[in-house]
Every structure is written in C-alpha cells, then in structure tokens.
Protein backbone atom coordinates (compact mmCIF):
# COMPACT_ATOMS: atom_id res chain seq x y z
CA UNK A 1 -8.59 -4.57 -4.78
CA UNK A 2 -11.28 -3.06 -2.69
CA UNK A 3 -9.27 -2.07 0.40
CA UNK A 4 -6.48 -4.61 0.83
CA UNK A 5 -3.49 -5.17 -1.44
CA UNK A 6 -2.66 -6.38 -4.89
CA UNK A 7 -0.34 -9.27 -5.74
CA UNK A 8 0.90 -9.62 -9.31
CA UNK A 9 1.47 -13.21 -10.43
CA UNK A 10 4.12 -14.09 -12.97
CA UNK A 11 3.15 -14.67 -16.57
CA UNK A 12 2.92 -18.37 -17.45
CA UNK A 13 2.77 -19.49 -13.84
CA UNK A 14 3.69 -23.12 -13.23
CA UNK A 15 2.85 -25.41 -10.29
CA UNK A 16 6.39 -24.94 -8.98
CA UNK A 17 6.06 -21.17 -9.09
CA UNK A 18 2.66 -21.37 -7.42
CA UNK A 19 4.31 -23.04 -4.45
CA UNK A 20 6.87 -20.23 -4.25
CA UNK A 21 4.04 -17.67 -4.38
CA UNK A 22 2.20 -19.01 -1.31
CA UNK A 23 3.76 -16.80 1.41
CA UNK A 24 2.02 -13.55 0.34
CA UNK A 25 -1.36 -15.23 0.86
CA UNK A 26 -0.96 -15.25 4.65
CA UNK A 27 -0.59 -11.43 4.94
CA UNK A 28 -3.43 -11.05 2.47
CA UNK A 29 -5.56 -13.36 4.60
CA UNK A 30 -4.69 -11.32 7.68
CA UNK A 31 -5.77 -8.18 5.85
CA UNK A 32 -8.92 -9.97 4.71
CA UNK A 33 -9.71 -10.76 8.33
CA UNK A 34 -9.89 -6.99 8.95
CA UNK A 35 -12.51 -6.48 6.24
CA UNK A 36 -10.19 -6.01 3.28
CA UNK A 37 -10.66 -7.98 0.13
CA UNK A 38 -7.35 -8.96 -1.55
CA UNK A 39 -7.37 -8.89 -5.33
CA UNK A 40 -5.13 -10.75 -7.75
CA UNK A 41 -4.47 -8.53 -10.74
CA UNK A 42 -2.72 -10.03 -13.77
CA UNK A 43 -2.87 -7.39 -16.49
CA UNK A 44 -4.89 -5.00 -18.58
CA UNK A 45 -7.33 -2.45 -17.17
CA UNK A 46 -7.84 -4.46 -13.96
CA UNK A 47 -4.13 -4.28 -13.21
CA UNK A 48 -3.98 -0.52 -13.83
CA UNK A 49 -7.08 0.13 -11.69
CA UNK A 50 -5.90 -2.08 -8.85
CA UNK A 51 -2.44 -0.55 -8.91
CA UNK A 52 -3.91 2.94 -8.76
CA UNK A 53 -6.51 2.30 -6.01
CA UNK A 54 -5.01 -0.27 -3.63
CA UNK A 55 -3.43 1.05 -0.43
CA UNK A 56 -0.81 -1.73 -0.61
CA UNK A 57 0.61 -3.60 -3.60
CA UNK A 58 2.46 -6.88 -3.04
CA UNK A 59 4.62 -7.94 -5.97
CA UNK A 60 6.08 -11.44 -6.06
CA UNK A 61 9.79 -11.46 -6.85
CA UNK A 62 9.12 -13.84 -9.74
CA UNK A 63 6.79 -11.22 -11.31
CA UNK A 64 9.47 -8.50 -11.47
CA UNK A 65 10.61 -9.31 -15.03
CA UNK A 66 7.07 -8.69 -16.37
CA UNK A 67 6.91 -5.68 -18.67
CA UNK A 68 3.44 -4.71 -17.42
CA UNK A 69 4.87 -3.70 -14.03
CA UNK A 70 7.43 -1.38 -15.55
CA UNK A 71 4.74 0.39 -17.56
CA UNK A 72 2.82 1.38 -14.41
CA UNK A 73 3.55 4.71 -12.72
CA UNK A 74 5.56 4.76 -9.51
CA UNK A 75 3.52 5.05 -6.33
CA UNK A 76 3.93 4.57 -2.60
CA UNK A 77 2.90 1.32 -0.97
CA UNK A 78 4.62 -1.17 -3.29
CA UNK A 79 6.37 -4.07 -1.54
CA UNK A 80 8.28 -6.83 -3.32
CA UNK A 81 7.93 -10.22 -1.61
CA UNK A 82 10.85 -12.60 -2.11
CA UNK A 83 9.97 -16.01 -0.65
CA UNK A 84 12.80 -18.27 0.36
CA UNK A 85 15.78 -15.99 0.02
CA UNK A 86 17.37 -12.84 -1.25
CA UNK A 87 16.85 -11.28 -4.67
CA UNK A 88 19.41 -11.41 -7.41
CA UNK A 89 21.10 -8.20 -8.55
CA UNK A 90 18.65 -8.02 -11.47
CA UNK A 91 15.75 -8.47 -9.03
CA UNK A 92 16.97 -5.59 -6.87
CA UNK A 93 17.33 -3.40 -9.96
CA UNK A 94 13.79 -4.25 -11.02
CA UNK A 95 12.47 -3.51 -7.49
CA UNK A 96 14.12 -0.09 -7.60
CA UNK A 97 12.77 0.51 -11.10
CA UNK A 98 9.15 -0.11 -10.05
CA UNK A 99 9.62 2.08 -6.95
CA UNK A 100 9.27 -0.59 -4.26
CA UNK A 101 9.40 0.85 -0.75
CA UNK A 102 10.87 -2.42 0.56
CA UNK A 103 11.80 -5.97 -0.36
CA UNK A 104 10.34 -8.36 2.20
CA UNK A 105 12.21 -11.67 2.35
CA UNK A 106 9.96 -14.51 3.45
CA UNK A 107 9.84 -15.93 6.12
CA UNK A 108 12.29 -13.55 7.88
CA UNK A 109 10.15 -10.44 7.29
CA UNK A 110 6.78 -12.11 7.90
CA UNK A 111 5.97 -10.12 11.04
CA UNK A 112 6.84 -6.83 9.30
CA UNK A 113 4.72 -7.78 6.29
CA UNK A 114 1.74 -8.74 8.47
CA UNK A 115 1.99 -5.40 10.30
CA UNK A 116 2.29 -3.52 6.99
CA UNK A 117 -0.81 -5.28 5.60
CA UNK A 118 -2.75 -4.51 8.76
CA UNK A 119 -1.73 -0.84 8.62
CA UNK A 120 -2.78 -0.61 4.97
CA UNK A 121 -6.34 -1.70 5.62
CA UNK A 122 -7.09 0.41 8.67
CA UNK A 123 -9.90 2.87 8.11
CA UNK A 124 -8.55 6.17 6.83
CA UNK A 125 -9.01 9.25 8.95
CA UNK A 126 -11.85 11.46 7.78
CA UNK A 127 -10.83 14.79 6.39
CA UNK A 128 -11.78 17.82 8.44
CA UNK A 129 -12.22 21.48 7.78
CA UNK A 130 -9.53 24.05 8.36
CA UNK A 131 -10.50 27.51 9.50
CA UNK A 132 -7.83 30.19 9.76
CA UNK A 133 -8.36 33.30 11.83
CA UNK A 134 -5.71 35.99 11.62
CA UNK A 135 -5.40 39.46 13.07
CA UNK A 136 -3.76 42.39 11.41
CA UNK A 137 -2.14 43.61 14.63
CA UNK A 138 -1.79 42.63 18.27
CA UNK A 139 -4.90 43.03 20.38
CA UNK A 140 -7.35 42.75 17.46
CA UNK A 141 -9.16 39.79 19.10
CA UNK A 142 -8.13 37.04 16.64
CA UNK A 143 -7.42 34.57 19.48
CA UNK A 144 -10.82 35.20 21.00
CA UNK A 145 -12.60 34.73 17.65
CA UNK A 146 -10.56 31.54 16.93
CA UNK A 147 -11.48 30.11 20.33
CA UNK A 148 -15.18 30.90 19.82
CA UNK A 149 -15.18 29.28 16.36
CA UNK A 150 -13.46 26.16 17.74
CA UNK A 151 -15.97 25.84 20.58
CA UNK A 152 -18.96 26.22 18.26
CA UNK A 153 -17.55 23.80 15.66
CA UNK A 154 -16.51 21.10 18.17
CA UNK A 155 -18.54 17.89 17.86
CA UNK A 156 -20.91 17.00 20.71
C-alpha cells in the first residue's frame, strides 16, 4: 500500500466469502478519495512489505486463521473487520495474537472505521529540529539566547 491500508483476503476465497468481504472496500474507497491507494496483499514479499509500510492494516475476520498473518511481527494500526456480526472465541484469540488494536464489527462500527481510515491517510507532520539551550546557573542568559535562536529560526 502506498499510503492507505492493507486488507488481507482469505486463502481459497469463494464467491460467498467475497460477498462477506465487501464492507472493508467502502473505508478503503474513502481513504482512496483522500489520495491514498489501498493495496490488497495476499502473501509473500508483497504482504511483508505492505504490512511493514502501511499506516493502517485492515484484516478480514475470515483471514484470521491464515498462518501468514501470525508470522508477521506485531505493529500498531491493525484492525480486524468482522462483517455481519461478532467474532467467535477463536477469532478473538487470533485478533489478540496478531496484535489488533480493535475489532470493528460491520455495519455497527462503520463510522469509526471510516474515521480511522481517514486519520491514517492524513499527511504526516514534518519533523523539525530541536535546539536545547541550557545555563549552568541562574542569570547566565540562557533564556535570552534561547529566545534569540527561536526568533532567528522561525519561518517567515
């Protein structure tokens, strides 16, 4: 994924499962509207790269049993999407095992998921420089020097 999210499909997907997998496409489309490009990663090096680089990873509940997910390192920004109802006990255990930050039940959590996708694709804040000015004793002029440096370094 370039700057959106990743959705992992189940192995051996059938037409019935494809219907159950439709809900995550709407948040991905909303993210795509903001300039993000959703990516569907199914395995191998593409899966590892996408999992490492994407700001948000959407995992379908039906993909939780896949061994490839358990082999990936834990990371923030993983959301399990369970369309049409709650997860089973085994599904919850698998979500905890992969380090999911939340299980979003569709359609109840649709607004939360849309907001989470939008937040994931917002432009990151540029890193700035940090300058530390310290004085060895009171009255050494550290505050004056810090103020002068801040005024000179300020943009515009």
